Amino acid sequence: MRKVLFYIPLLAFLGLSLFLLSGLFSDPRERDSAIIGKPLPQFALPDLMSPEQIWTPENLKGEAYLLNVWGIWCPTCNAELGYMSQLRNEQGVRIIGLYYVLPEDPMFGEVFDLAKLQADVQSRLQAFGDPYQFNILDRQRRLSLDLGVSGAPEHFIVDADGIVRAHHIGDINPQVWRSKLAPIYQQWAAKP
């Protein structure tokens, strides 16, 4: 019995070591998303530039699209706007923005100002390129949380029936588009 008790800490140490070692060789951007293969979560959110327009999963159906979670505060998001504009203009990729609003803190004088945000977004899109068909405003970040978003940029390929088919964390550049996302997008965009 004493010999068995002697080996328990050793086995626990080896198990923990193997678990931690496997993490060294994994890519944190390549994680399985729980939303893949499921319908886009339910939401009713306003258009960033025309708040009277309310978007829901139902009125996004009918054509595959790339849902891009982004914000003007995100340097990587700004850097990918030019390439995504090329995708829209040259390859006809339908791109819908999901604007991720940073948390506001009234203690520091941060109060949400829609008019200022609209002006800032419009200025940024004019400077870097506007790939979006439109932008959905996710002020409370509920849809982002339901999608499992951990930051920006993140991208989701959604098919014509509103089913999420792919999830990519990080920017879209020519290599990522060609090797990872284009085949999936083209597969679902080609389906009637």
Protein backbone atom coordinates (compact mmCIF):
# COMPACT_ATOMS: atom_id res chain seq x y z
CA MET A 1 0.00 0.00 0.00
CA ARG A 2 2.84 2.40 0.86
CA LYS A 3 4.46 1.74 -2.52
CA VAL A 4 1.23 2.74 -4.33
CA LEU A 5 0.99 6.00 -2.36
CA PHE A 6 4.61 6.74 -3.28
CA TYR A 7 3.79 6.71 -7.03
CA ILE A 8 0.65 8.92 -6.88
CA PRO A 9 2.53 12.27 -6.76
CA LEU A 10 4.87 11.08 -9.52
CA LEU A 11 1.95 10.11 -11.77
CA ALA A 12 0.21 13.42 -11.06
CA PHE A 13 3.40 15.31 -11.93
CA LEU A 14 3.85 13.39 -15.19
CA GLY A 15 0.22 13.95 -16.18
CA LEU A 16 0.42 17.68 -15.51
CA SER A 17 3.74 17.90 -17.37
CA LEU A 18 2.28 16.22 -20.47
CA PHE A 19 -0.74 18.52 -20.39
CA LEU A 20 1.42 21.65 -20.16
CA LEU A 21 3.84 20.38 -22.79
CA SER A 22 1.01 19.91 -25.29
CA GLY A 23 0.12 23.59 -24.82
CA LEU A 24 3.60 24.64 -25.94
CA PHE A 25 3.01 23.20 -29.40
CA SER A 26 -0.54 24.41 -29.97
CA ASP A 27 -1.55 27.56 -31.84
CA PRO A 28 -3.93 29.68 -29.71
CA ARG A 29 -5.49 31.09 -32.89
CA GLU A 30 -6.47 27.59 -33.97
CA ARG A 31 -9.13 26.62 -31.53
CA ASP A 32 -12.36 24.84 -32.22
CA SER A 33 -15.32 27.16 -32.01
CA ALA A 34 -18.48 25.85 -30.38
CA ILE A 35 -20.60 27.88 -32.82
CA ILE A 36 -19.46 26.09 -36.00
CA GLY A 37 -22.31 24.11 -37.55
CA LYS A 38 -24.91 26.01 -35.53
CA PRO A 39 -27.22 28.86 -36.50
CA LEU A 40 -26.15 32.41 -35.83
CA PRO A 41 -27.42 33.31 -32.31
CA GLN A 42 -30.65 35.29 -32.11
CA PHE A 43 -30.24 39.07 -31.99
CA ALA A 44 -31.95 42.31 -32.99
CA LEU A 45 -29.29 44.99 -33.33
CA PRO A 46 -29.21 48.38 -35.04
CA ASP A 47 -27.23 49.38 -38.09
CA LEU A 48 -24.28 51.52 -37.01
CA MET A 49 -24.90 54.25 -39.59
CA SER A 50 -28.71 53.98 -39.74
CA PRO A 51 -29.89 52.98 -36.24
CA GLU A 52 -33.53 52.83 -37.35
CA GLN A 53 -32.58 49.73 -39.40
CA ILE A 54 -32.64 46.65 -37.15
CA TRP A 55 -30.72 43.56 -38.23
CA THR A 56 -31.67 40.02 -37.21
CA PRO A 57 -30.37 36.62 -38.35
CA GLU A 58 -33.51 36.21 -40.45
CA ASN A 59 -32.92 39.28 -42.61
CA LEU A 60 -29.28 38.29 -43.22
CA LYS A 61 -30.22 34.95 -44.79
CA GLY A 62 -30.23 34.26 -48.50
CA GLU A 63 -26.55 34.66 -49.35
CA ALA A 64 -23.30 33.51 -47.71
CA TYR A 65 -21.23 36.23 -46.06
CA LEU A 66 -18.15 36.95 -44.00
CA LEU A 67 -19.03 38.44 -40.60
CA ASN A 68 -16.11 40.60 -39.42
CA VAL A 69 -15.91 41.58 -35.74
CA TRP A 70 -13.92 44.80 -35.65
CA GLY A 71 -13.43 48.25 -34.10
CA ILE A 72 -11.58 51.44 -35.04
CA TRP A 73 -9.63 51.13 -31.79
CA CYS A 74 -8.05 47.90 -33.14
CA PRO A 75 -4.86 48.45 -35.20
CA THR A 76 -5.04 44.98 -36.76
CA CYS A 77 -8.64 45.64 -37.84
CA ASN A 78 -7.55 48.87 -39.55
CA ALA A 79 -4.67 47.09 -41.30
CA GLU A 80 -6.93 44.45 -42.85
CA LEU A 81 -9.53 46.92 -44.22
CA GLY A 82 -7.62 47.42 -47.48
CA TYR A 83 -7.32 43.72 -48.26
CA MET A 84 -10.92 43.03 -47.30
CA SER A 85 -11.98 45.89 -49.61
CA GLN A 86 -10.14 44.06 -52.41
CA LEU A 87 -12.03 40.88 -51.56
CA ARG A 88 -15.32 42.72 -51.81
CA ASN A 89 -14.50 44.64 -54.99
CA GLU A 90 -12.51 42.02 -56.92
CA GLN A 91 -13.99 38.73 -55.75
CA GLY A 92 -17.50 39.81 -54.76
CA VAL A 93 -17.17 38.62 -51.16
CA ARG A 94 -20.13 39.82 -49.12
CA ILE A 95 -18.73 41.28 -45.89
CA ILE A 96 -20.85 42.42 -42.96
CA GLY A 97 -19.24 44.25 -40.07
CA LEU A 98 -20.07 43.60 -36.43
CA TYR A 99 -18.79 46.68 -34.65
CA TYR A 100 -17.34 45.72 -31.27
CA VAL A 101 -17.71 48.63 -28.83
CA LEU A 102 -15.18 48.79 -26.02
CA PRO A 103 -16.66 48.89 -22.52
CA GLU A 104 -17.46 52.38 -21.29
CA ASP A 105 -16.58 53.63 -17.84
CA PRO A 106 -18.51 56.73 -16.65
CA MET A 107 -15.98 57.10 -13.81
CA PHE A 108 -13.42 58.14 -16.43
CA GLY A 109 -15.80 60.32 -18.41
CA GLU A 110 -16.47 57.68 -21.05
CA VAL A 111 -20.03 58.05 -22.27
CA PHE A 112 -21.28 56.47 -25.50
CA ASP A 113 -21.69 59.08 -28.25
CA LEU A 114 -23.23 57.53 -31.38
CA ALA A 115 -22.69 60.59 -33.58
CA LYS A 116 -18.99 60.72 -32.71
CA LEU A 117 -18.62 56.97 -33.29
CA GLN A 118 -20.34 57.24 -36.68
CA ALA A 119 -18.04 60.11 -37.71
CA ASP A 120 -14.94 58.24 -36.52
CA VAL A 121 -15.96 55.04 -38.32
CA GLN A 122 -16.76 56.91 -41.53
CA SER A 123 -13.41 58.70 -41.40
CA ARG A 124 -11.52 55.45 -40.78
CA LEU A 125 -13.29 53.63 -43.61
CA GLN A 126 -12.57 56.49 -46.01
CA ALA A 127 -8.90 56.40 -45.06
CA PHE A 128 -8.31 52.62 -45.10
CA GLY A 129 -11.07 51.23 -47.33
CA ASP A 130 -14.66 50.20 -46.74
CA PRO A 131 -15.26 46.49 -47.33
CA TYR A 132 -18.63 46.39 -45.58
CA GLN A 133 -22.07 46.05 -47.01
CA PHE A 134 -23.16 47.50 -43.64
CA ASN A 135 -22.13 47.43 -39.98
CA ILE A 136 -24.16 46.03 -37.11
CA LEU A 137 -23.68 47.89 -33.83
CA ASP A 138 -23.08 45.49 -30.93
CA ARG A 139 -22.94 48.11 -28.18
CA GLN A 140 -23.52 45.71 -25.28
CA ARG A 141 -21.38 43.01 -26.94
CA ARG A 142 -24.10 40.39 -26.43
CA LEU A 143 -23.88 38.95 -29.93
CA SER A 144 -20.09 38.96 -29.72
CA LEU A 145 -20.26 37.02 -26.46
CA ASP A 146 -22.80 34.57 -27.90
CA LEU A 147 -20.41 33.97 -30.82
CA GLY A 148 -17.54 33.31 -28.41
CA VAL A 149 -15.55 36.35 -29.52
CA SER A 150 -12.49 37.04 -27.41
CA GLY A 151 -11.35 40.22 -29.17
CA ALA A 152 -10.97 41.76 -32.57
CA PRO A 153 -10.57 41.03 -35.36
CA GLU A 154 -12.44 37.78 -35.61
CA HIS A 155 -14.26 36.44 -38.65
CA PHE A 156 -17.12 34.03 -39.22
CA ILE A 157 -18.27 32.55 -42.51
CA VAL A 158 -22.05 32.22 -42.42
CA ASP A 159 -23.94 30.31 -45.11
CA ALA A 160 -27.15 31.38 -46.85
CA ASP A 161 -29.24 29.57 -44.22
CA GLY A 162 -27.58 31.43 -41.34
CA ILE A 163 -25.35 28.53 -40.21
CA VAL A 164 -21.83 29.42 -39.06
CA ARG A 165 -19.37 27.41 -41.18
CA ALA A 166 -15.96 28.77 -40.12
CA HIS A 167 -14.33 30.92 -37.46
CA HIS A 168 -10.98 32.68 -37.77
CA ILE A 169 -9.21 34.65 -35.04
CA GLY A 170 -6.81 37.32 -36.28
CA ASP A 171 -6.46 39.32 -39.44
CA ILE A 172 -7.33 38.29 -42.95
CA ASN A 173 -4.41 38.63 -45.31
CA PRO A 174 -3.80 37.04 -48.72
CA GLN A 175 -2.23 33.88 -47.26
CA VAL A 176 -4.99 33.32 -44.66
CA TRP A 177 -7.68 33.98 -47.25
CA ARG A 178 -6.23 31.63 -49.89
CA SER A 179 -5.27 28.78 -47.59
CA LYS A 180 -7.98 28.82 -44.96
CA LEU A 181 -11.07 30.90 -45.66
CA ALA A 182 -11.53 31.16 -49.45
CA PRO A 183 -12.23 27.43 -49.96
CA ILE A 184 -14.88 27.46 -47.23
CA TYR A 185 -16.43 30.72 -48.40
CA GLN A 186 -16.52 29.60 -52.03
CA GLN A 187 -18.07 26.27 -51.06
CA TRP A 188 -20.98 27.94 -49.25
CA ALA A 189 -21.32 30.93 -51.57
CA ALA A 190 -21.77 28.55 -54.52
CA LYS A 191 -24.69 26.72 -52.91
CA PRO A 192 -28.13 28.06 -53.84
